[in-house]
Amino acid sequence: MSARDNWRKSSYSGGGDGNACVEISTRPTHIAIRDSKSPARATLTFPAESFIAFLEAVKTPHASR
């Protein structure tokens, strides 16, 4: 990822422990995620389509097991 990437935190991160959050950077073909406490460390990168599918699965309520 380059310095020009636009990293942003969730609006839910708030103050106090707000730095204990992940940041996301979107590009046309991929999504990158990093730990906001250690932004210089490694990032996780996913194809955009896969990340969108992941978010949709997380949002979908599942029946109790």
N, C-alpha and C. Protein backbone atom coordinates (compact mmCIF):
# COMPACT_ATOMS: atom_id res chain seq x y z
N MET A 1 0.84 -1.17 0.00
CA MET A 1 0.00 0.00 0.00
C MET A 1 0.89 1.24 0.00
N SER A 2 0.47 2.24 -0.64
CA SER A 2 1.29 3.44 -0.74
C SER A 2 0.81 4.50 0.24
N ALA A 3 1.62 5.52 0.41
CA ALA A 3 1.29 6.60 1.33
C ALA A 3 0.05 7.36 0.88
N ARG A 4 -0.31 7.29 -0.39
CA ARG A 4 -1.46 8.02 -0.88
C ARG A 4 -2.78 7.30 -0.64
N ASP A 5 -2.74 6.09 -0.09
CA ASP A 5 -3.96 5.39 0.22
C ASP A 5 -4.77 6.16 1.26
N ASN A 6 -6.06 6.13 1.11
CA ASN A 6 -6.96 6.85 2.00
C ASN A 6 -7.46 5.91 3.09
N TRP A 7 -6.78 5.88 4.21
CA TRP A 7 -7.16 5.02 5.33
C TRP A 7 -8.20 5.73 6.18
N ARG A 8 -9.22 4.99 6.62
CA ARG A 8 -10.21 5.58 7.50
C ARG A 8 -10.69 4.56 8.53
N LYS A 9 -11.08 5.07 9.70
CA LYS A 9 -11.56 4.25 10.80
C LYS A 9 -13.08 4.28 10.83
N SER A 10 -13.63 3.29 11.47
CA SER A 10 -15.07 3.24 11.67
C SER A 10 -15.53 4.43 12.49
N SER A 11 -16.71 4.93 12.19
CA SER A 11 -17.28 6.01 12.99
C SER A 11 -17.65 5.51 14.38
N TYR A 12 -17.69 4.20 14.58
CA TYR A 12 -18.00 3.61 15.88
C TYR A 12 -16.78 3.57 16.80
N SER A 13 -15.59 3.90 16.31
CA SER A 13 -14.39 3.78 17.13
C SER A 13 -14.36 4.81 18.26
N GLY A 14 -14.97 5.97 18.07
CA GLY A 14 -15.12 6.95 19.13
C GLY A 14 -13.83 7.38 19.80
N GLY A 15 -13.95 7.94 21.00
CA GLY A 15 -12.79 8.41 21.76
C GLY A 15 -12.29 7.34 22.71
N GLY A 16 -11.37 7.69 23.56
CA GLY A 16 -10.84 6.74 24.53
C GLY A 16 -10.11 5.61 23.84
N ASP A 17 -10.74 4.44 23.79
CA ASP A 17 -10.14 3.29 23.12
C ASP A 17 -10.37 3.33 21.61
N GLY A 18 -10.68 4.49 21.08
CA GLY A 18 -10.96 4.63 19.66
C GLY A 18 -9.82 4.21 18.76
N ASN A 19 -8.60 4.16 19.32
CA ASN A 19 -7.47 3.73 18.51
C ASN A 19 -7.40 2.21 18.42
N ALA A 20 -8.20 1.51 19.21
CA ALA A 20 -8.23 0.05 19.18
C ALA A 20 -9.24 -0.39 18.13
N CYS A 21 -8.94 -0.09 16.92
CA CYS A 21 -9.88 -0.31 15.83
C CYS A 21 -9.10 -0.72 14.58
N VAL A 22 -9.82 -1.17 13.59
CA VAL A 22 -9.19 -1.42 12.31
C VAL A 22 -9.47 -0.24 11.40
N GLU A 23 -8.59 -0.06 10.43
CA GLU A 23 -8.77 0.97 9.41
C GLU A 23 -8.91 0.26 8.07
N ILE A 24 -9.59 0.91 7.15
CA ILE A 24 -9.83 0.33 5.84
C ILE A 24 -9.42 1.32 4.76
N SER A 25 -8.90 0.80 3.68
CA SER A 25 -8.55 1.60 2.51
C SER A 25 -9.16 0.91 1.28
N THR A 26 -9.93 1.65 0.54
CA THR A 26 -10.57 1.07 -0.65
C THR A 26 -9.87 1.52 -1.91
N ARG A 27 -9.75 0.59 -2.83
CA ARG A 27 -9.19 0.84 -4.16
C ARG A 27 -10.17 0.23 -5.15
N PRO A 28 -10.06 0.53 -6.42
CA PRO A 28 -11.01 -0.05 -7.38
C PRO A 28 -11.03 -1.57 -7.41
N THR A 29 -9.89 -2.21 -7.18
CA THR A 29 -9.85 -3.67 -7.32
C THR A 29 -9.65 -4.42 -6.01
N HIS A 30 -9.34 -3.72 -4.92
CA HIS A 30 -9.11 -4.42 -3.66
C HIS A 30 -9.43 -3.55 -2.45
N ILE A 31 -9.54 -4.21 -1.31
CA ILE A 31 -9.79 -3.56 -0.03
C ILE A 31 -8.64 -3.96 0.89
N ALA A 32 -8.07 -3.01 1.61
CA ALA A 32 -7.00 -3.31 2.56
C ALA A 32 -7.46 -2.96 3.96
N ILE A 33 -7.02 -3.76 4.93
CA ILE A 33 -7.37 -3.56 6.33
C ILE A 33 -6.08 -3.59 7.14
N ARG A 34 -5.99 -2.70 8.14
CA ARG A 34 -4.83 -2.69 9.02
C ARG A 34 -5.26 -2.36 10.44
N ASP A 35 -4.40 -2.62 11.38
CA ASP A 35 -4.62 -2.32 12.79
C ASP A 35 -4.28 -0.85 13.01
N SER A 36 -5.22 -0.08 13.54
CA SER A 36 -4.98 1.35 13.72
C SER A 36 -3.91 1.64 14.77
N LYS A 37 -3.65 0.68 15.68
CA LYS A 37 -2.60 0.88 16.68
C LYS A 37 -1.21 0.69 16.10
N SER A 38 -1.11 -0.05 14.99
CA SER A 38 0.18 -0.34 14.35
C SER A 38 0.07 -0.17 12.84
N PRO A 39 -0.16 1.04 12.37
CA PRO A 39 -0.41 1.24 10.94
C PRO A 39 0.77 0.92 10.03
N ALA A 40 1.98 0.91 10.56
CA ALA A 40 3.14 0.61 9.72
C ALA A 40 3.35 -0.89 9.51
N ARG A 41 2.64 -1.70 10.27
CA ARG A 41 2.78 -3.15 10.15
C ARG A 41 1.99 -3.66 8.96
N ALA A 42 1.94 -4.94 8.81
CA ALA A 42 1.31 -5.59 7.66
C ALA A 42 -0.18 -5.26 7.54
N THR A 43 -0.66 -5.32 6.32
CA THR A 43 -2.08 -5.15 6.04
C THR A 43 -2.63 -6.45 5.46
N LEU A 44 -3.94 -6.60 5.58
CA LEU A 44 -4.64 -7.70 4.91
C LEU A 44 -5.30 -7.10 3.68
N THR A 45 -5.15 -7.74 2.54
CA THR A 45 -5.72 -7.23 1.30
C THR A 45 -6.61 -8.29 0.69
N PHE A 46 -7.80 -7.85 0.26
CA PHE A 46 -8.79 -8.75 -0.32
C PHE A 46 -9.29 -8.20 -1.64
N PRO A 47 -9.65 -9.07 -2.59
CA PRO A 47 -10.34 -8.58 -3.78
C PRO A 47 -11.63 -7.90 -3.33
N ALA A 48 -12.00 -6.82 -3.98
CA ALA A 48 -13.17 -6.04 -3.56
C ALA A 48 -14.43 -6.90 -3.50
N GLU A 49 -14.64 -7.77 -4.48
CA GLU A 49 -15.84 -8.60 -4.52
C GLU A 49 -15.91 -9.53 -3.31
N SER A 50 -14.78 -10.09 -2.93
CA SER A 50 -14.73 -11.00 -1.78
C SER A 50 -15.03 -10.27 -0.48
N PHE A 51 -14.52 -9.07 -0.34
CA PHE A 51 -14.75 -8.31 0.89
C PHE A 51 -16.21 -7.89 0.99
N ILE A 52 -16.80 -7.50 -0.11
CA ILE A 52 -18.22 -7.13 -0.12
C ILE A 52 -19.07 -8.33 0.28
N ALA A 53 -18.75 -9.51 -0.25
CA ALA A 53 -19.49 -10.73 0.12
C ALA A 53 -19.32 -11.02 1.61
N PHE A 54 -18.12 -10.82 2.15
CA PHE A 54 -17.87 -11.03 3.57
C PHE A 54 -18.75 -10.09 4.41
N LEU A 55 -18.78 -8.80 4.06
CA LEU A 55 -19.59 -7.85 4.81
C LEU A 55 -21.07 -8.21 4.78
N GLU A 56 -21.55 -8.62 3.63
CA GLU A 56 -22.96 -9.02 3.52
C GLU A 56 -23.25 -10.23 4.40
N ALA A 57 -22.33 -11.17 4.46
CA ALA A 57 -22.52 -12.36 5.31
C ALA A 57 -22.52 -11.97 6.78
N VAL A 58 -21.69 -11.01 7.17
CA VAL A 58 -21.64 -10.57 8.56
C VAL A 58 -22.95 -9.87 8.95
N LYS A 59 -23.52 -9.13 8.03
CA LYS A 59 -24.74 -8.38 8.31
C LYS A 59 -25.98 -9.27 8.36
N THR A 60 -25.93 -10.42 7.73
CA THR A 60 -27.10 -11.30 7.64
C THR A 60 -27.30 -12.03 8.97
N PRO A 61 -28.50 -11.87 9.56
CA PRO A 61 -28.73 -12.57 10.83
C PRO A 61 -28.78 -14.09 10.60
N HIS A 62 -28.20 -14.82 11.52
CA HIS A 62 -28.18 -16.27 11.44
C HIS A 62 -29.05 -16.85 12.55
N ALA A 63 -29.68 -17.94 12.27
CA ALA A 63 -30.51 -18.61 13.28
C ALA A 63 -29.61 -19.12 14.40
N SER A 64 -30.14 -19.15 15.61
CA SER A 64 -29.38 -19.67 16.75
C SER A 64 -29.07 -21.13 16.52
N ARG A 65 -27.90 -21.56 17.01
CA ARG A 65 -27.51 -22.97 16.83
C ARG A 65 -27.83 -23.76 18.04
